[in-house]
Amino acid sequence: MKADKTLDIKGLTDQRPKEVTKNVLSIMAKGQILRVIADDAGARQALVSLCEYSGYSLLSLEEDRGVICFNIQK
């Protein structure tokens, strides 16, 4: 899947992954895809909730050795 933008937020914890992702998505055009790379276990639920609450489409979620990759369509 080709992303329009990639956001590496490894090292961010608590609410920061959600806040940063939300800010980046807000400036993207509708239909564009953002690939988010995180390593905080809490980011999984935070970004899934962000998608559900904001109406974004979570296209995929993959985890490998503690690194979580999300593809989110605005």
PDB file of N, CA and C in Angstrom:
ATOM      1  N   MET A   1       0.833  -1.170   0.000  1.00  0.00           N
ATOM      2  CA  MET A   1       0.000   0.000   0.000  1.00  0.00           C
ATOM      3  C   MET A   1       0.887   1.245   0.000  1.00  0.00           C
ATOM      4  N   LYS A   2       0.620   2.139  -0.902  1.00  0.00           N
ATOM      5  CA  LYS A   2       1.426   3.358  -1.010  1.00  0.00           C
ATOM      6  C   LYS A   2       0.823   4.459  -0.147  1.00  0.00           C
ATOM      7  N   ALA A   3       1.632   4.972   0.757  1.00  0.00           N
ATOM      8  CA  ALA A   3       1.198   6.064   1.622  1.00  0.00           C
ATOM      9  C   ALA A   3       1.605   7.397   1.005  1.00  0.00           C
ATOM     10  N   ASP A   4       0.776   8.414   1.230  1.00  0.00           N
ATOM     11  CA  ASP A   4       1.102   9.757   0.767  1.00  0.00           C
ATOM     12  C   ASP A   4       2.105  10.431   1.691  1.00  0.00           C
ATOM     13  N   LYS A   5       2.101  10.032   2.950  1.00  0.00           N
ATOM     14  CA  LYS A   5       3.007  10.606   3.942  1.00  0.00           C
ATOM     15  C   LYS A   5       3.299   9.543   4.996  1.00  0.00           C
ATOM     16  N   THR A   6       4.525   9.551   5.536  1.00  0.00           N
ATOM     17  CA  THR A   6       4.910   8.636   6.607  1.00  0.00           C
ATOM     18  C   THR A   6       5.264   9.448   7.840  1.00  0.00           C
ATOM     19  N   LEU A   7       4.752   9.006   8.978  1.00  0.00           N
ATOM     20  CA  LEU A   7       4.996   9.671  10.252  1.00  0.00           C
ATOM     21  C   LEU A   7       5.637   8.670  11.209  1.00  0.00           C
ATOM     22  N   ASP A   8       6.881   8.925  11.580  1.00  0.00           N
ATOM     23  CA  ASP A   8       7.600   8.060  12.516  1.00  0.00           C
ATOM     24  C   ASP A   8       7.504   8.684  13.907  1.00  0.00           C
ATOM     25  N   ILE A   9       6.728   8.045  14.780  1.00  0.00           N
ATOM     26  CA  ILE A   9       6.530   8.583  16.128  1.00  0.00           C
ATOM     27  C   ILE A   9       7.094   7.634  17.187  1.00  0.00           C
ATOM     28  N   LYS A  10       8.062   6.836  16.792  1.00  0.00           N
ATOM     29  CA  LYS A  10       8.698   5.949  17.769  1.00  0.00           C
ATOM     30  C   LYS A  10       9.312   6.800  18.871  1.00  0.00           C
ATOM     31  N   GLY A  11       9.127   6.375  20.114  1.00  0.00           N
ATOM     32  CA  GLY A  11       9.664   7.099  21.264  1.00  0.00           C
ATOM     33  C   GLY A  11       8.640   7.987  21.941  1.00  0.00           C
ATOM     34  N   LEU A  12       7.536   8.288  21.252  1.00  0.00           N
ATOM     35  CA  LEU A  12       6.490   9.091  21.875  1.00  0.00           C
ATOM     36  C   LEU A  12       5.577   8.194  22.699  1.00  0.00           C
ATOM     37  N   THR A  13       5.137   8.682  23.856  1.00  0.00           N
ATOM     38  CA  THR A  13       4.283   7.898  24.745  1.00  0.00           C
ATOM     39  C   THR A  13       3.068   8.708  25.190  1.00  0.00           C
ATOM     40  N   ASP A  14       2.240   8.077  25.968  1.00  0.00           N
ATOM     41  CA  ASP A  14       1.015   8.670  26.519  1.00  0.00           C
ATOM     42  C   ASP A  14       0.112   9.154  25.390  1.00  0.00           C
ATOM     43  N   GLN A  15      -0.306  10.396  25.439  1.00  0.00           N
ATOM     44  CA  GLN A  15      -1.223  10.936  24.431  1.00  0.00           C
ATOM     45  C   GLN A  15      -0.511  11.535  23.222  1.00  0.00           C
ATOM     46  N   ARG A  16       0.814  11.633  23.282  1.00  0.00           N
ATOM     47  CA  ARG A  16       1.548  12.267  22.185  1.00  0.00           C
ATOM     48  C   ARG A  16       1.353  11.569  20.835  1.00  0.00           C
ATOM     49  N   PRO A  17       1.366  10.232  20.751  1.00  0.00           N
ATOM     50  CA  PRO A  17       1.142   9.606  19.437  1.00  0.00           C
ATOM     51  C   PRO A  17      -0.186  10.032  18.810  1.00  0.00           C
ATOM     52  N   LYS A  18      -1.230  10.069  19.619  1.00  0.00           N
ATOM     53  CA  LYS A  18      -2.554  10.449  19.122  1.00  0.00           C
ATOM     54  C   LYS A  18      -2.565  11.922  18.705  1.00  0.00           C
ATOM     55  N   GLU A  19      -1.995  12.796  19.520  1.00  0.00           N
ATOM     56  CA  GLU A  19      -1.984  14.228  19.224  1.00  0.00           C
ATOM     57  C   GLU A  19      -1.227  14.534  17.937  1.00  0.00           C
ATOM     58  N   VAL A  20      -0.046  13.959  17.800  1.00  0.00           N
ATOM     59  CA  VAL A  20       0.779  14.222  16.612  1.00  0.00           C
ATOM     60  C   VAL A  20       0.096  13.679  15.360  1.00  0.00           C
ATOM     61  N   THR A  21      -0.443  12.471  15.444  1.00  0.00           N
ATOM     62  CA  THR A  21      -1.132  11.871  14.300  1.00  0.00           C
ATOM     63  C   THR A  21      -2.338  12.707  13.900  1.00  0.00           C
ATOM     64  N   LYS A  22      -3.111  13.137  14.876  1.00  0.00           N
ATOM     65  CA  LYS A  22      -4.292  13.965  14.603  1.00  0.00           C
ATOM     66  C   LYS A  22      -3.893  15.260  13.907  1.00  0.00           C
ATOM     67  N   ASN A  23      -2.815  15.894  14.356  1.00  0.00           N
ATOM     68  CA  ASN A  23      -2.356  17.146  13.747  1.00  0.00           C
ATOM     69  C   ASN A  23      -1.930  16.951  12.296  1.00  0.00           C
ATOM     70  N   VAL A  24      -1.218  15.870  12.023  1.00  0.00           N
ATOM     71  CA  VAL A  24      -0.769  15.608  10.654  1.00  0.00           C
ATOM     72  C   VAL A  24      -1.964  15.304   9.750  1.00  0.00           C
ATOM     73  N   LEU A  25      -2.891  14.482  10.223  1.00  0.00           N
ATOM     74  CA  LEU A  25      -4.072  14.165   9.419  1.00  0.00           C
ATOM     75  C   LEU A  25      -4.903  15.405   9.121  1.00  0.00           C
ATOM     76  N   SER A  26      -4.930  16.351  10.043  1.00  0.00           N
ATOM     77  CA  SER A  26      -5.755  17.549   9.852  1.00  0.00           C
ATOM     78  C   SER A  26      -5.286  18.393   8.666  1.00  0.00           C
ATOM     79  N   ILE A  27      -4.015  18.306   8.300  1.00  0.00           N
ATOM     80  CA  ILE A  27      -3.515  19.106   7.175  1.00  0.00           C
ATOM     81  C   ILE A  27      -3.435  18.312   5.869  1.00  0.00           C
ATOM     82  N   MET A  28      -3.778  17.033   5.932  1.00  0.00           N
ATOM     83  CA  MET A  28      -3.762  16.205   4.726  1.00  0.00           C
ATOM     84  C   MET A  28      -5.100  16.335   3.996  1.00  0.00           C
ATOM     85  N   ALA A  29      -5.086  16.054   2.711  1.00  0.00           N
ATOM     86  CA  ALA A  29      -6.297  16.109   1.901  1.00  0.00           C
ATOM     87  C   ALA A  29      -7.123  14.842   2.104  1.00  0.00           C
ATOM     88  N   LYS A  30      -8.426  14.989   1.962  1.00  0.00           N
ATOM     89  CA  LYS A  30      -9.319  13.839   2.078  1.00  0.00           C
ATOM     90  C   LYS A  30      -8.930  12.778   1.057  1.00  0.00           C
ATOM     91  N   GLY A  31      -8.887  11.532   1.513  1.00  0.00           N
ATOM     92  CA  GLY A  31      -8.524  10.417   0.637  1.00  0.00           C
ATOM     93  C   GLY A  31      -7.056  10.036   0.707  1.00  0.00           C
ATOM     94  N   GLN A  32      -6.213  10.930   1.221  1.00  0.00           N
ATOM     95  CA  GLN A  32      -4.795  10.603   1.329  1.00  0.00           C
ATOM     96  C   GLN A  32      -4.567   9.583   2.444  1.00  0.00           C
ATOM     97  N   ILE A  33      -3.441   8.866   2.333  1.00  0.00           N
ATOM     98  CA  ILE A  33      -3.100   7.813   3.292  1.00  0.00           C
ATOM     99  C   ILE A  33      -1.859   8.218   4.072  1.00  0.00           C
ATOM    100  N   LEU A  34      -1.971   8.092   5.389  1.00  0.00           N
ATOM    101  CA  LEU A  34      -0.863   8.368   6.300  1.00  0.00           C
ATOM    102  C   LEU A  34      -0.386   7.046   6.894  1.00  0.00           C
ATOM    103  N   ARG A  35       0.902   6.777   6.758  1.00  0.00           N
ATOM    104  CA  ARG A  35       1.513   5.601   7.398  1.00  0.00           C
ATOM    105  C   ARG A  35       2.157   6.083   8.688  1.00  0.00           C
ATOM    106  N   VAL A  36       1.747   5.507   9.809  1.00  0.00           N
ATOM    107  CA  VAL A  36       2.262   5.879  11.121  1.00  0.00           C
ATOM    108  C   VAL A  36       3.061   4.708  11.677  1.00  0.00           C
ATOM    109  N   ILE A  37       4.272   4.986  12.144  1.00  0.00           N
ATOM    110  CA  ILE A  37       5.138   3.969  12.728  1.00  0.00           C
ATOM    111  C   ILE A  37       5.348   4.338  14.189  1.00  0.00           C
ATOM    112  N   ALA A  38       4.927   3.461  15.101  1.00  0.00           N
ATOM    113  CA  ALA A  38       4.996   3.731  16.537  1.00  0.00           C
ATOM    114  C   ALA A  38       5.583   2.537  17.270  1.00  0.00           C
ATOM    115  N   ASP A  39       6.044   2.783  18.498  1.00  0.00           N
ATOM    116  CA  ASP A  39       6.550   1.671  19.312  1.00  0.00           C
ATOM    117  C   ASP A  39       5.971   1.681  20.725  1.00  0.00           C
ATOM    118  N   ASP A  40       5.000   2.533  20.976  1.00  0.00           N
ATOM    119  CA  ASP A  40       4.338   2.583  22.273  1.00  0.00           C
ATOM    120  C   ASP A  40       3.096   1.696  22.228  1.00  0.00           C
ATOM    121  N   ALA A  41       2.999   0.751  23.157  1.00  0.00           N
ATOM    122  CA  ALA A  41       1.863  -0.178  23.161  1.00  0.00           C
ATOM    123  C   ALA A  41       0.533   0.566  23.253  1.00  0.00           C
ATOM    124  N   GLY A  42       0.500   1.685  23.942  1.00  0.00           N
ATOM    125  CA  GLY A  42      -0.727   2.463  24.078  1.00  0.00           C
ATOM    126  C   GLY A  42      -1.157   3.135  22.787  1.00  0.00           C
ATOM    127  N   ALA A  43      -0.243   3.273  21.852  1.00  0.00           N
ATOM    128  CA  ALA A  43      -0.572   3.915  20.574  1.00  0.00           C
ATOM    129  C   ALA A  43      -1.588   3.096  19.794  1.00  0.00           C
ATOM    130  N   ARG A  44      -1.549   1.786  19.959  1.00  0.00           N
ATOM    131  CA  ARG A  44      -2.500   0.924  19.236  1.00  0.00           C
ATOM    132  C   ARG A  44      -3.935   1.359  19.531  1.00  0.00           C
ATOM    133  N   GLN A  45      -4.300   1.377  20.786  1.00  0.00           N
ATOM    134  CA  GLN A  45      -5.675   1.737  21.153  1.00  0.00           C
ATOM    135  C   GLN A  45      -5.956   3.206  20.865  1.00  0.00           C
ATOM    136  N   ALA A  46      -4.975   4.070  21.116  1.00  0.00           N
ATOM    137  CA  ALA A  46      -5.171   5.505  20.905  1.00  0.00           C
ATOM    138  C   ALA A  46      -5.468   5.823  19.445  1.00  0.00           C
ATOM    139  N   LEU A  47      -4.739   5.210  18.524  1.00  0.00           N
ATOM    140  CA  LEU A  47      -4.943   5.516  17.109  1.00  0.00           C
ATOM    141  C   LEU A  47      -6.180   4.825  16.547  1.00  0.00           C
ATOM    142  N   VAL A  48      -6.502   3.653  17.066  1.00  0.00           N
ATOM    143  CA  VAL A  48      -7.754   3.001  16.661  1.00  0.00           C
ATOM    144  C   VAL A  48      -8.931   3.871  17.104  1.00  0.00           C
ATOM    145  N   SER A  49      -8.876   4.382  18.336  1.00  0.00           N
ATOM    146  CA  SER A  49      -9.930   5.267  18.842  1.00  0.00           C
ATOM    147  C   SER A  49     -10.015   6.557  18.035  1.00  0.00           C
ATOM    148  N   LEU A  50      -8.859   7.121  17.681  1.00  0.00           N
ATOM    149  CA  LEU A  50      -8.837   8.339  16.870  1.00  0.00           C
ATOM    150  C   LEU A  50      -9.574   8.114  15.557  1.00  0.00           C
ATOM    151  N   CYS A  51      -9.315   6.994  14.920  1.00  0.00           N
ATOM    152  CA  CYS A  51      -9.980   6.688  13.648  1.00  0.00           C
ATOM    153  C   CYS A  51     -11.490   6.552  13.827  1.00  0.00           C
ATOM    154  N   GLU A  52     -11.893   5.822  14.852  1.00  0.00           N
ATOM    155  CA  GLU A  52     -13.320   5.617  15.096  1.00  0.00           C
ATOM    156  C   GLU A  52     -14.018   6.944  15.401  1.00  0.00           C
ATOM    157  N   TYR A  53     -13.410   7.765  16.230  1.00  0.00           N
ATOM    158  CA  TYR A  53     -14.006   9.019  16.668  1.00  0.00           C
ATOM    159  C   TYR A  53     -14.022  10.068  15.558  1.00  0.00           C
ATOM    160  N   SER A  54     -12.968  10.116  14.767  1.00  0.00           N
ATOM    161  CA  SER A  54     -12.813  11.173  13.762  1.00  0.00           C
ATOM    162  C   SER A  54     -13.317  10.791  12.384  1.00  0.00           C
ATOM    163  N   GLY A  55     -13.661   9.525  12.189  1.00  0.00           N
ATOM    164  CA  GLY A  55     -14.172   9.093  10.888  1.00  0.00           C
ATOM    165  C   GLY A  55     -13.094   8.743   9.878  1.00  0.00           C
ATOM    166  N   TYR A  56     -11.847   8.587  10.331  1.00  0.00           N
ATOM    167  CA  TYR A  56     -10.786   8.150   9.432  1.00  0.00           C
ATOM    168  C   TYR A  56     -10.880   6.637   9.248  1.00  0.00           C
ATOM    169  N   SER A  57     -10.360   6.141   8.141  1.00  0.00           N
ATOM    170  CA  SER A  57     -10.384   4.697   7.875  1.00  0.00           C
ATOM    171  C   SER A  57      -9.044   4.081   8.245  1.00  0.00           C
ATOM    172  N   LEU A  58      -9.073   3.117   9.152  1.00  0.00           N
ATOM    173  CA  LEU A  58      -7.869   2.365   9.494  1.00  0.00           C
ATOM    174  C   LEU A  58      -7.764   1.237   8.476  1.00  0.00           C
ATOM    175  N   LEU A  59      -6.879   1.411   7.498  1.00  0.00           N
ATOM    176  CA  LEU A  59      -6.758   0.458   6.402  1.00  0.00           C
ATOM    177  C   LEU A  59      -5.989  -0.788   6.805  1.00  0.00           C
ATOM    178  N   SER A  60      -4.974  -0.607   7.660  1.00  0.00           N
ATOM    179  CA  SER A  60      -4.211  -1.763   8.123  1.00  0.00           C
ATOM    180  C   SER A  60      -3.489  -1.423   9.412  1.00  0.00           C
ATOM    181  N   LEU A  61      -3.209  -2.471  10.168  1.00  0.00           N
ATOM    182  CA  LEU A  61      -2.459  -2.360  11.409  1.00  0.00           C
ATOM    183  C   LEU A  61      -1.598  -3.607  11.489  1.00  0.00           C
ATOM    184  N   GLU A  62      -0.279  -3.399  11.520  1.00  0.00           N
ATOM    185  CA  GLU A  62       0.663  -4.517  11.569  1.00  0.00           C
ATOM    186  C   GLU A  62       1.631  -4.295  12.712  1.00  0.00           C
ATOM    187  N   GLU A  63       2.005  -5.379  13.373  1.00  0.00           N
ATOM    188  CA  GLU A  63       2.972  -5.274  14.458  1.00  0.00           C
ATOM    189  C   GLU A  63       4.082  -6.297  14.255  1.00  0.00           C
ATOM    190  N   ASP A  64       5.312  -5.829  14.431  1.00  0.00           N
ATOM    191  CA  ASP A  64       6.462  -6.704  14.284  1.00  0.00           C
ATOM    192  C   ASP A  64       7.533  -6.278  15.282  1.00  0.00           C
ATOM    193  N   ARG A  65       7.845  -7.143  16.210  1.00  0.00           N
ATOM    194  CA  ARG A  65       8.884  -6.911  17.217  1.00  0.00           C
ATOM    195  C   ARG A  65       8.728  -5.575  17.944  1.00  0.00           C
ATOM    196  N   GLY A  66       7.501  -5.278  18.346  1.00  0.00           N
ATOM    197  CA  GLY A  66       7.249  -4.076  19.127  1.00  0.00           C
ATOM    198  C   GLY A  66       7.034  -2.808  18.328  1.00  0.00           C
ATOM    199  N   VAL A  67       7.161  -2.881  17.022  1.00  0.00           N
ATOM    200  CA  VAL A  67       6.910  -1.718  16.172  1.00  0.00           C
ATOM    201  C   VAL A  67       5.543  -1.915  15.510  1.00  0.00           C
ATOM    202  N   ILE A  68       4.696  -0.900  15.652  1.00  0.00           N
ATOM    203  CA  ILE A  68       3.337  -0.968  15.124  1.00  0.00           C
ATOM    204  C   ILE A  68       3.234  -0.015  13.940  1.00  0.00           C
ATOM    205  N   CYS A  69       2.729  -0.508  12.806  1.00  0.00           N
ATOM    206  CA  CYS A  69       2.539   0.308  11.615  1.00  0.00           C
ATOM    207  C   CYS A  69       1.057   0.393  11.298  1.00  0.00           C
ATOM    208  N   PHE A  70       0.586   1.610  11.152  1.00  0.00           N
ATOM    209  CA  PHE A  70      -0.814   1.879  10.822  1.00  0.00           C
ATOM    210  C   PHE A  70      -0.868   2.542   9.458  1.00  0.00           C
ATOM    211  N   ASN A  71      -1.857   2.208   8.662  1.00  0.00           N
ATOM    212  CA  ASN A  71      -2.164   2.943   7.444  1.00  0.00           C
ATOM    213  C   ASN A  71      -3.560   3.513   7.629  1.00  0.00           C
ATOM    214  N   ILE A  72      -3.623   4.832   7.665  1.00  0.00           N
ATOM    215  CA  ILE A  72      -4.865   5.531   7.960  1.00  0.00           C
ATOM    216  C   ILE A  72      -5.224   6.416   6.768  1.00  0.00           C
ATOM    217  N   GLN A  73      -6.462   6.297   6.311  1.00  0.00           N
ATOM    218  CA  GLN A  73      -6.927   7.136   5.210  1.00  0.00           C
ATOM    219  C   GLN A  73      -7.819   8.231   5.761  1.00  0.00           C
ATOM    220  N   LYS A  74      -7.516   9.451   5.370  1.00  0.00           N
ATOM    221  CA  LYS A  74      -8.325  10.581   5.826  1.00  0.00           C
ATOM    222  C   LYS A  74      -9.617  10.615   5.052  1.00  0.00           C
TER     223      LYS A  74
END
